[in-house]
Amino acid sequence: MVMIDRLIKADEAETITALVVSADNVFVENGYLREPGLIENMAQTAAAGMGAKSSTPESKPRKGYIGALKNLKIDKLPAVGEEIITRVMVVNNVLNATIIEAEVTCHDEVIARGELKIFLEEKAPDPPETLAEQPDPLMYRYNREVFYSFNKETGFTQKVDYQYSANQQIIRQGWDAAEDRLDAVRQEIAAGILSPIAYHMERCLMELSILASYMKLSKWRIRRHLKPSGYHKLTPELRSKYAAVFGISVNELDNIDPMDQPQKGT
């Protein structure tokens, strides 16, 4: 889904876009644009800037992939009907990777910020003639996503295409890092430092602010539940609510079996 209404500015220093949150936006829930929508808006703003700066009649837009997201902080969710202004600044360029800082404002108030690392393909590979030509045809068949490109004349276009090897490598690296973090959390749980809530939060790739938003609890209460002493005092109602947010049963809340983690590339 296109998450930009208009491109306000795009130069070497920064890109600025605007979006009015509509009720039919797929990222809207209970009248508010949720966290994934803000992240997608940041990424598309970066893509709009890169496309506007590199677009020529002869050039073909390069595909980009979000390789990492750091220091994400979301203080407030915009409501339906509100306009958000997103400003993206390029921090560094290393080979085919671009590191950007993004800031989202609503009514002149900063509501979200974060750092993204975006990888650009040096050259778009030719599509396969048949799946049999691919070294791993099953992976290639089932890993598809929506790609966006920007052109000054036609604006945004989108199409569903296969993920190529560069994106698959980024996904593998991301899941390897996630597995390392899960192992570290398990060790802290075994040492009595953290509770199983920390494991499931990491397993679901949730930030503290996101979990607090889904639980409708303050962040300091979530922090208490991340400690074994606070976790053991959870009421049955809160245990059920945590289980529902994590997509598991109440009985599975205490389980930190590594076999339960998501599969790579899914």
C-alpha atoms as a PDB file:
ATOM      1  CA  MET A   1       0.000   0.000   0.000  1.00  0.00           C
ATOM      2  CA  VAL A   2       1.303   3.454  -0.886  1.00  0.00           C
ATOM      3  CA  MET A   3       1.900   5.361   2.372  1.00  0.00           C
ATOM      4  CA  ILE A   4       2.624   8.804   0.898  1.00  0.00           C
ATOM      5  CA  ASP A   5       0.121  11.360  -0.414  1.00  0.00           C
ATOM      6  CA  ARG A   6       2.577  13.951  -1.683  1.00  0.00           C
ATOM      7  CA  LEU A   7       6.271  14.581  -2.020  1.00  0.00           C
ATOM      8  CA  ILE A   8       7.078  17.975  -0.505  1.00  0.00           C
ATOM      9  CA  LYS A   9      10.837  18.050  -0.957  1.00  0.00           C
ATOM     10  CA  ALA A  10      13.606  15.795  -2.246  1.00  0.00           C
ATOM     11  CA  ASP A  11      17.228  16.877  -2.503  1.00  0.00           C
ATOM     12  CA  GLU A  12      20.667  15.586  -1.507  1.00  0.00           C
ATOM     13  CA  ALA A  13      20.155  16.560   2.133  1.00  0.00           C
ATOM     14  CA  GLU A  14      16.630  15.457   2.945  1.00  0.00           C
ATOM     15  CA  THR A  15      13.260  14.189   1.732  1.00  0.00           C
ATOM     16  CA  ILE A  16       9.928  15.373   3.136  1.00  0.00           C
ATOM     17  CA  THR A  17       6.546  13.765   2.480  1.00  0.00           C
ATOM     18  CA  ALA A  18       2.983  14.114   3.751  1.00  0.00           C
ATOM     19  CA  LEU A  19       0.248  11.577   4.441  1.00  0.00           C
ATOM     20  CA  VAL A  20      -3.298  12.016   5.669  1.00  0.00           C
ATOM     21  CA  VAL A  21      -4.295   8.921   7.659  1.00  0.00           C
ATOM     22  CA  SER A  22      -7.386   7.402   6.038  1.00  0.00           C
ATOM     23  CA  ALA A  23      -9.833   5.000   7.659  1.00  0.00           C
ATOM     24  CA  ASP A  24      -9.289   2.368   4.929  1.00  0.00           C
ATOM     25  CA  ASN A  25      -5.516   2.251   5.468  1.00  0.00           C
ATOM     26  CA  VAL A  26      -4.493  -1.367   6.117  1.00  0.00           C
ATOM     27  CA  PHE A  27      -2.326  -0.242   9.038  1.00  0.00           C
ATOM     28  CA  VAL A  28      -5.189   1.537  10.825  1.00  0.00           C
ATOM     29  CA  GLU A  29      -6.621  -0.182  13.890  1.00  0.00           C
ATOM     30  CA  ASN A  30      -9.202   1.276  16.282  1.00  0.00           C
ATOM     31  CA  GLY A  31      -8.942   4.659  14.589  1.00  0.00           C
ATOM     32  CA  TYR A  32      -5.146   5.014  14.772  1.00  0.00           C
ATOM     33  CA  LEU A  33      -2.262   4.344  12.386  1.00  0.00           C
ATOM     34  CA  ARG A  34      -0.314   1.549  14.075  1.00  0.00           C
ATOM     35  CA  GLU A  35       3.457   1.254  14.473  1.00  0.00           C
ATOM     36  CA  PRO A  36       4.089  -0.842  11.315  1.00  0.00           C
ATOM     37  CA  GLY A  37       2.372   1.864   9.280  1.00  0.00           C
ATOM     38  CA  LEU A  38       4.715   4.534  10.633  1.00  0.00           C
ATOM     39  CA  ILE A  39       7.742   2.364   9.818  1.00  0.00           C
ATOM     40  CA  GLU A  40       6.435   1.723   6.295  1.00  0.00           C
ATOM     41  CA  ASN A  41       5.836   5.457   5.875  1.00  0.00           C
ATOM     42  CA  MET A  42       9.467   6.154   6.864  1.00  0.00           C
ATOM     43  CA  ALA A  43      10.751   3.553   4.407  1.00  0.00           C
ATOM     44  CA  GLN A  44       8.606   4.823   1.543  1.00  0.00           C
ATOM     45  CA  THR A  45       9.707   8.398   2.218  1.00  0.00           C
ATOM     46  CA  ALA A  46      13.321   7.260   1.896  1.00  0.00           C
ATOM     47  CA  ALA A  47      12.436   5.398  -1.317  1.00  0.00           C
ATOM     48  CA  ALA A  48      10.687   8.482  -2.703  1.00  0.00           C
ATOM     49  CA  GLY A  49      13.774  10.597  -2.095  1.00  0.00           C
ATOM     50  CA  MET A  50      16.111   8.087  -3.696  1.00  0.00           C
ATOM     51  CA  GLY A  51      13.786   7.635  -6.645  1.00  0.00           C
ATOM     52  CA  ALA A  52      13.334  11.353  -7.210  1.00  0.00           C
ATOM     53  CA  LYS A  53      17.077  12.007  -7.087  1.00  0.00           C
ATOM     54  CA  SER A  54      18.108   9.135  -9.358  1.00  0.00           C
ATOM     55  CA  SER A  55      15.165   9.067 -11.756  1.00  0.00           C
ATOM     56  CA  THR A  56      15.835   9.889 -15.413  1.00  0.00           C
ATOM     57  CA  PRO A  57      13.875   8.947 -18.551  1.00  0.00           C
ATOM     58  CA  GLU A  58      16.508   6.306 -19.374  1.00  0.00           C
ATOM     59  CA  SER A  59      17.053   4.913 -15.893  1.00  0.00           C
ATOM     60  CA  LYS A  60      15.203   2.066 -14.256  1.00  0.00           C
ATOM     61  CA  PRO A  61      14.547   2.495 -10.507  1.00  0.00           C
ATOM     62  CA  ARG A  62      16.630   0.161  -8.366  1.00  0.00           C
ATOM     63  CA  LYS A  63      14.913  -1.998  -5.803  1.00  0.00           C
ATOM     64  CA  GLY A  64      15.649  -1.310  -2.176  1.00  0.00           C
ATOM     65  CA  TYR A  65      15.335  -3.385   0.974  1.00  0.00           C
ATOM     66  CA  ILE A  66      15.163  -2.422   4.640  1.00  0.00           C
ATOM     67  CA  GLY A  67      18.125  -4.222   6.168  1.00  0.00           C
ATOM     68  CA  ALA A  68      17.962  -2.911   9.737  1.00  0.00           C
ATOM     69  CA  LEU A  69      15.916  -0.675  12.021  1.00  0.00           C
ATOM     70  CA  LYS A  70      17.586   0.963  15.029  1.00  0.00           C
ATOM     71  CA  ASN A  71      16.674   3.350  17.823  1.00  0.00           C
ATOM     72  CA  LEU A  72      12.990   3.289  16.949  1.00  0.00           C
ATOM     73  CA  LYS A  73      10.923   5.442  19.291  1.00  0.00           C
ATOM     74  CA  ILE A  74       7.195   5.959  18.833  1.00  0.00           C
ATOM     75  CA  ASP A  75       5.649   8.365  21.329  1.00  0.00           C
ATOM     76  CA  LYS A  76       2.207   8.752  19.811  1.00  0.00           C
ATOM     77  CA  LEU A  77       0.006   7.212  17.114  1.00  0.00           C
ATOM     78  CA  PRO A  78      -1.727   9.528  14.594  1.00  0.00           C
ATOM     79  CA  ALA A  79      -5.502   9.291  14.357  1.00  0.00           C
ATOM     80  CA  VAL A  80      -7.614   8.911  11.236  1.00  0.00           C
ATOM     81  CA  GLY A  81      -7.924  12.273   9.502  1.00  0.00           C
ATOM     82  CA  GLU A  82      -4.665  13.654  10.866  1.00  0.00           C
ATOM     83  CA  GLU A  83      -1.780  14.550   8.559  1.00  0.00           C
ATOM     84  CA  ILE A  84       1.731  13.363   9.301  1.00  0.00           C
ATOM     85  CA  ILE A  85       4.859  14.969   7.871  1.00  0.00           C
ATOM     86  CA  THR A  86       7.850  12.658   7.494  1.00  0.00           C
ATOM     87  CA  ARG A  87      11.394  13.978   7.140  1.00  0.00           C
ATOM     88  CA  VAL A  88      14.233  11.663   6.128  1.00  0.00           C
ATOM     89  CA  MET A  89      17.909  12.639   6.217  1.00  0.00           C
ATOM     90  CA  VAL A  90      20.795  10.637   4.746  1.00  0.00           C
ATOM     91  CA  VAL A  91      23.416   9.973   7.433  1.00  0.00           C
ATOM     92  CA  ASN A  92      25.880   7.864   5.469  1.00  0.00           C
ATOM     93  CA  ASN A  93      26.363   5.869   2.272  1.00  0.00           C
ATOM     94  CA  VAL A  94      28.508   2.752   2.345  1.00  0.00           C
ATOM     95  CA  LEU A  95      28.737   0.772  -0.894  1.00  0.00           C
ATOM     96  CA  ASN A  96      25.123  -0.125  -1.750  1.00  0.00           C
ATOM     97  CA  ALA A  97      23.816   0.639   1.756  1.00  0.00           C
ATOM     98  CA  THR A  98      22.267   3.954   2.782  1.00  0.00           C
ATOM     99  CA  ILE A  99      21.778   4.848   6.444  1.00  0.00           C
ATOM    100  CA  ILE A 100      18.989   7.324   7.080  1.00  0.00           C
ATOM    101  CA  GLU A 101      17.386   9.043  10.038  1.00  0.00           C
ATOM    102  CA  ALA A 102      13.618   9.511   9.911  1.00  0.00           C
ATOM    103  CA  GLU A 103      11.355  11.788  11.924  1.00  0.00           C
ATOM    104  CA  VAL A 104       7.552  11.874  11.831  1.00  0.00           C
ATOM    105  CA  THR A 105       5.595  14.873  13.085  1.00  0.00           C
ATOM    106  CA  CYS A 106       1.897  15.491  13.593  1.00  0.00           C
ATOM    107  CA  HIS A 107       0.587  18.985  14.425  1.00  0.00           C
ATOM    108  CA  ASP A 108       4.250  20.103  14.679  1.00  0.00           C
ATOM    109  CA  GLU A 109       4.909  17.497  17.388  1.00  0.00           C
ATOM    110  CA  VAL A 110       7.502  14.755  16.853  1.00  0.00           C
ATOM    111  CA  ILE A 111       5.662  11.462  17.329  1.00  0.00           C
ATOM    112  CA  ALA A 112       8.165   8.934  15.926  1.00  0.00           C
ATOM    113  CA  ARG A 113      11.810   8.673  14.980  1.00  0.00           C
ATOM    114  CA  GLY A 114      14.255   5.975  13.996  1.00  0.00           C
ATOM    115  CA  GLU A 115      17.274   4.952  11.951  1.00  0.00           C
ATOM    116  CA  LEU A 116      16.966   2.679   8.917  1.00  0.00           C
ATOM    117  CA  LYS A 117      19.583   0.935   6.827  1.00  0.00           C
ATOM    118  CA  ILE A 118      18.450   0.499   3.228  1.00  0.00           C
ATOM    119  CA  PHE A 119      20.216  -1.683   0.670  1.00  0.00           C
ATOM    120  CA  LEU A 120      19.948  -0.934  -3.061  1.00  0.00           C
ATOM    121  CA  GLU A 121      20.495  -3.524  -5.755  1.00  0.00           C
ATOM    122  CA  GLU A 122      23.358  -2.607  -8.012  1.00  0.00           C
ATOM    123  CA  LYS A 123      21.582  -4.174 -10.952  1.00  0.00           C
ATOM    124  CA  ALA A 124      18.128  -5.670 -11.117  1.00  0.00           C
ATOM    125  CA  PRO A 125      18.438  -9.349 -12.082  1.00  0.00           C
ATOM    126  CA  ASP A 126      16.450 -10.746 -14.948  1.00  0.00           C
ATOM    127  CA  PRO A 127      13.282 -12.621 -13.895  1.00  0.00           C
ATOM    128  CA  PRO A 128      13.537 -16.405 -14.141  1.00  0.00           C
ATOM    129  CA  GLU A 129      12.281 -18.218 -17.194  1.00  0.00           C
ATOM    130  CA  THR A 130      11.262 -21.138 -15.008  1.00  0.00           C
ATOM    131  CA  LEU A 131      11.474 -21.928 -11.316  1.00  0.00           C
ATOM    132  CA  ALA A 132      13.720 -24.869 -12.146  1.00  0.00           C
ATOM    133  CA  GLU A 133      16.477 -22.417 -13.117  1.00  0.00           C
ATOM    134  CA  GLN A 134      16.741 -21.191  -9.524  1.00  0.00           C
ATOM    135  CA  PRO A 135      19.152 -22.900  -7.100  1.00  0.00           C
ATOM    136  CA  ASP A 136      16.362 -23.024  -4.522  1.00  0.00           C
ATOM    137  CA  PRO A 137      13.069 -22.896  -6.472  1.00  0.00           C
ATOM    138  CA  LEU A 138      10.820 -23.419  -3.441  1.00  0.00           C
ATOM    139  CA  MET A 139      12.346 -20.490  -1.592  1.00  0.00           C
ATOM    140  CA  TYR A 140      12.074 -18.364  -4.706  1.00  0.00           C
ATOM    141  CA  ARG A 141       8.447 -19.325  -5.304  1.00  0.00           C
ATOM    142  CA  TYR A 142       7.132 -18.553  -1.844  1.00  0.00           C
ATOM    143  CA  ASN A 143       9.106 -15.410  -1.035  1.00  0.00           C
ATOM    144  CA  ARG A 144       7.387 -12.559  -2.833  1.00  0.00           C
ATOM    145  CA  GLU A 145       6.591  -9.042  -1.729  1.00  0.00           C
ATOM    146  CA  VAL A 146       5.275  -5.698  -2.907  1.00  0.00           C
ATOM    147  CA  PHE A 147       7.873  -3.392  -4.470  1.00  0.00           C
ATOM    148  CA  TYR A 148       7.401   0.358  -4.832  1.00  0.00           C
ATOM    149  CA  SER A 149       9.077   2.708  -7.278  1.00  0.00           C
ATOM    150  CA  PHE A 150       8.769   6.440  -7.788  1.00  0.00           C
ATOM    151  CA  ASN A 151       8.807   8.412 -11.017  1.00  0.00           C
ATOM    152  CA  LYS A 152       8.397  12.186 -11.281  1.00  0.00           C
ATOM    153  CA  GLU A 153       5.889  11.812 -14.123  1.00  0.00           C
ATOM    154  CA  THR A 154       3.797   8.857 -12.985  1.00  0.00           C
ATOM    155  CA  GLY A 155       4.308   9.040  -9.198  1.00  0.00           C
ATOM    156  CA  PHE A 156       4.304   5.795  -7.196  1.00  0.00           C
ATOM    157  CA  THR A 157       3.806   2.416  -8.809  1.00  0.00           C
ATOM    158  CA  GLN A 158       3.724  -0.963  -7.142  1.00  0.00           C
ATOM    159  CA  LYS A 159       3.942  -4.597  -8.186  1.00  0.00           C
ATOM    160  CA  VAL A 160       4.342  -7.997  -6.585  1.00  0.00           C
ATOM    161  CA  ASP A 161       7.641  -9.621  -7.460  1.00  0.00           C
ATOM    162  CA  TYR A 162       9.981 -12.314  -6.232  1.00  0.00           C
ATOM    163  CA  GLN A 163      12.594 -11.606  -3.602  1.00  0.00           C
ATOM    164  CA  TYR A 164      16.085 -11.884  -5.055  1.00  0.00           C
ATOM    165  CA  SER A 165      19.232 -13.237  -3.473  1.00  0.00           C
ATOM    166  CA  ALA A 166      20.269  -9.869  -1.979  1.00  0.00           C
ATOM    167  CA  ASN A 167      17.030  -9.607  -0.042  1.00  0.00           C
ATOM    168  CA  GLN A 168      17.170 -13.246   1.011  1.00  0.00           C
ATOM    169  CA  GLN A 169      20.655 -12.674   2.422  1.00  0.00           C
ATOM    170  CA  ILE A 170      19.433  -9.683   4.430  1.00  0.00           C
ATOM    171  CA  ILE A 171      16.535 -11.749   5.786  1.00  0.00           C
ATOM    172  CA  ARG A 172      18.895 -14.561   6.807  1.00  0.00           C
ATOM    173  CA  GLN A 173      21.218 -12.120   8.570  1.00  0.00           C
ATOM    174  CA  GLY A 174      18.251 -10.571  10.369  1.00  0.00           C
ATOM    175  CA  TRP A 175      17.012 -13.931  11.637  1.00  0.00           C
ATOM    176  CA  ASP A 176      20.550 -14.914  12.691  1.00  0.00           C
ATOM    177  CA  ALA A 177      20.728 -11.756  14.800  1.00  0.00           C
ATOM    178  CA  ALA A 178      17.257 -12.472  16.210  1.00  0.00           C
ATOM    179  CA  GLU A 179      18.333 -15.991  17.192  1.00  0.00           C
ATOM    180  CA  ASP A 180      21.398 -14.604  18.972  1.00  0.00           C
ATOM    181  CA  ARG A 181      19.211 -12.204  20.943  1.00  0.00           C
ATOM    182  CA  LEU A 182      16.804 -15.030  21.846  1.00  0.00           C
ATOM    183  CA  ASP A 183      19.699 -17.150  23.128  1.00  0.00           C
ATOM    184  CA  ALA A 184      20.895 -14.246  25.274  1.00  0.00           C
ATOM    185  CA  VAL A 185      17.394 -13.729  26.694  1.00  0.00           C
ATOM    186  CA  ARG A 186      17.055 -17.454  27.507  1.00  0.00           C
ATOM    187  CA  GLN A 187      20.315 -17.313  29.450  1.00  0.00           C
ATOM    188  CA  GLU A 188      19.090 -14.314  31.465  1.00  0.00           C
ATOM    189  CA  ILE A 189      15.793 -16.119  32.172  1.00  0.00           C
ATOM    190  CA  ALA A 190      17.726 -19.181  33.377  1.00  0.00           C
ATOM    191  CA  ALA A 191      19.801 -16.874  35.599  1.00  0.00           C
ATOM    192  CA  GLY A 192      16.665 -15.388  37.150  1.00  0.00           C
ATOM    193  CA  ILE A 193      17.219 -11.934  35.643  1.00  0.00           C
ATOM    194  CA  LEU A 194      14.343 -11.821  33.158  1.00  0.00           C
ATOM    195  CA  SER A 195      10.883 -13.386  32.892  1.00  0.00           C
ATOM    196  CA  PRO A 196       9.371 -15.329  29.951  1.00  0.00           C
ATOM    197  CA  ILE A 197       7.669 -12.092  28.859  1.00  0.00           C
ATOM    198  CA  ALA A 198      11.106 -10.907  27.661  1.00  0.00           C
ATOM    199  CA  TYR A 199      11.500 -14.061  25.571  1.00  0.00           C
ATOM    200  CA  HIS A 200       8.128 -13.764  23.839  1.00  0.00           C
ATOM    201  CA  MET A 201       8.619 -10.038  23.293  1.00  0.00           C
ATOM    202  CA  GLU A 202      11.926 -10.771  21.532  1.00  0.00           C
ATOM    203  CA  ARG A 203      10.433 -13.733  19.668  1.00  0.00           C
ATOM    204  CA  CYS A 204       7.710 -11.479  18.264  1.00  0.00           C
ATOM    205  CA  LEU A 205      10.252  -8.717  17.500  1.00  0.00           C
ATOM    206  CA  MET A 206       8.392  -6.256  19.726  1.00  0.00           C
ATOM    207  CA  GLU A 207       9.765  -3.074  21.235  1.00  0.00           C
ATOM    208  CA  LEU A 208       8.723  -2.149  24.778  1.00  0.00           C
ATOM    209  CA  SER A 209       6.541   0.719  23.528  1.00  0.00           C
ATOM    210  CA  ILE A 210       4.756  -1.533  21.034  1.00  0.00           C
ATOM    211  CA  LEU A 211       4.001  -4.210  23.636  1.00  0.00           C
ATOM    212  CA  ALA A 212       2.751  -1.549  26.057  1.00  0.00           C
ATOM    213  CA  SER A 213       0.454  -0.205  23.335  1.00  0.00           C
ATOM    214  CA  TYR A 214      -1.031  -3.636  22.592  1.00  0.00           C
ATOM    215  CA  MET A 215      -1.420  -4.430  26.288  1.00  0.00           C
ATOM    216  CA  LYS A 216      -2.812  -0.939  27.009  1.00  0.00           C
ATOM    217  CA  LEU A 217      -0.451  -0.719  29.968  1.00  0.00           C
ATOM    218  CA  SER A 218       2.204   1.818  30.884  1.00  0.00           C
ATOM    219  CA  LYS A 219       5.798   0.977  29.977  1.00  0.00           C
ATOM    220  CA  TRP A 220       6.841   0.925  33.624  1.00  0.00           C
ATOM    221  CA  ARG A 221       4.295  -1.843  34.311  1.00  0.00           C
ATOM    222  CA  ILE A 222       5.631  -3.857  31.380  1.00  0.00           C
ATOM    223  CA  ARG A 223       9.146  -3.410  32.815  1.00  0.00           C
ATOM    224  CA  ARG A 224       7.904  -4.843  36.123  1.00  0.00           C
ATOM    225  CA  HIS A 225       6.509  -7.882  34.305  1.00  0.00           C
ATOM    226  CA  LEU A 226       9.859  -8.394  32.591  1.00  0.00           C
ATOM    227  CA  LYS A 227      11.289  -9.252  35.997  1.00  0.00           C
ATOM    228  CA  PRO A 228      10.570 -12.662  37.558  1.00  0.00           C
ATOM    229  CA  SER A 229       9.115 -11.097  40.716  1.00  0.00           C
ATOM    230  CA  GLY A 230       6.574  -9.099  38.732  1.00  0.00           C
ATOM    231  CA  TYR A 231       5.818 -11.944  36.337  1.00  0.00           C
ATOM    232  CA  HIS A 232       4.905 -14.360  39.128  1.00  0.00           C
ATOM    233  CA  LYS A 233       2.354 -11.844  40.447  1.00  0.00           C
ATOM    234  CA  LEU A 234       0.476 -11.592  37.139  1.00  0.00           C
ATOM    235  CA  THR A 235      -3.277 -12.037  37.439  1.00  0.00           C
ATOM    236  CA  PRO A 236      -4.994 -14.674  35.268  1.00  0.00           C
ATOM    237  CA  GLU A 237      -6.516 -11.846  33.231  1.00  0.00           C
ATOM    238  CA  LEU A 238      -3.114 -10.311  32.446  1.00  0.00           C
ATOM    239  CA  ARG A 239      -1.631 -13.723  31.608  1.00  0.00           C
ATOM    240  CA  SER A 240      -4.476 -14.311  29.146  1.00  0.00           C
ATOM    241  CA  LYS A 241      -3.969 -10.874  27.643  1.00  0.00           C
ATOM    242  CA  TYR A 242      -0.220 -11.409  27.195  1.00  0.00           C
ATOM    243  CA  ALA A 243      -0.870 -14.801  25.606  1.00  0.00           C
ATOM    244  CA  ALA A 244      -3.342 -13.268  23.144  1.00  0.00           C
ATOM    245  CA  VAL A 245      -0.887 -10.513  22.174  1.00  0.00           C
ATOM    246  CA  PHE A 246       1.899 -13.058  21.601  1.00  0.00           C
ATOM    247  CA  GLY A 247      -0.420 -15.398  19.687  1.00  0.00           C
ATOM    248  CA  ILE A 248       0.017 -18.345  22.034  1.00  0.00           C
ATOM    249  CA  SER A 249      -2.026 -20.150  24.683  1.00  0.00           C
ATOM    250  CA  VAL A 250      -1.778 -19.273  28.378  1.00  0.00           C
ATOM    251  CA  ASN A 251      -0.055 -22.593  29.037  1.00  0.00           C
ATOM    252  CA  GLU A 252       2.613 -21.730  26.456  1.00  0.00           C
ATOM    253  CA  LEU A 253       3.454 -18.438  28.162  1.00  0.00           C
ATOM    254  CA  ASP A 254       6.026 -20.145  30.417  1.00  0.00           C
ATOM    255  CA  ASN A 255       7.578 -22.024  27.501  1.00  0.00           C
ATOM    256  CA  ILE A 256      10.846 -20.665  26.104  1.00  0.00           C
ATOM    257  CA  ASP A 257      11.607 -23.671  23.919  1.00  0.00           C
ATOM    258  CA  PRO A 258      13.755 -22.543  20.941  1.00  0.00           C
ATOM    259  CA  MET A 259      11.649 -24.695  18.619  1.00  0.00           C
ATOM    260  CA  ASP A 260       8.826 -22.167  19.030  1.00  0.00           C
ATOM    261  CA  GLN A 261      10.645 -19.288  17.330  1.00  0.00           C
ATOM    262  CA  PRO A 262       9.617 -18.112  13.849  1.00  0.00           C
ATOM    263  CA  GLN A 263      11.197 -19.779  10.843  1.00  0.00           C
ATOM    264  CA  LYS A 264      13.672 -17.875   8.715  1.00  0.00           C
ATOM    265  CA  GLY A 265      12.291 -16.216   5.648  1.00  0.00           C
ATOM    266  CA  THR A 266       8.647 -16.423   6.736  1.00  0.00           C
END
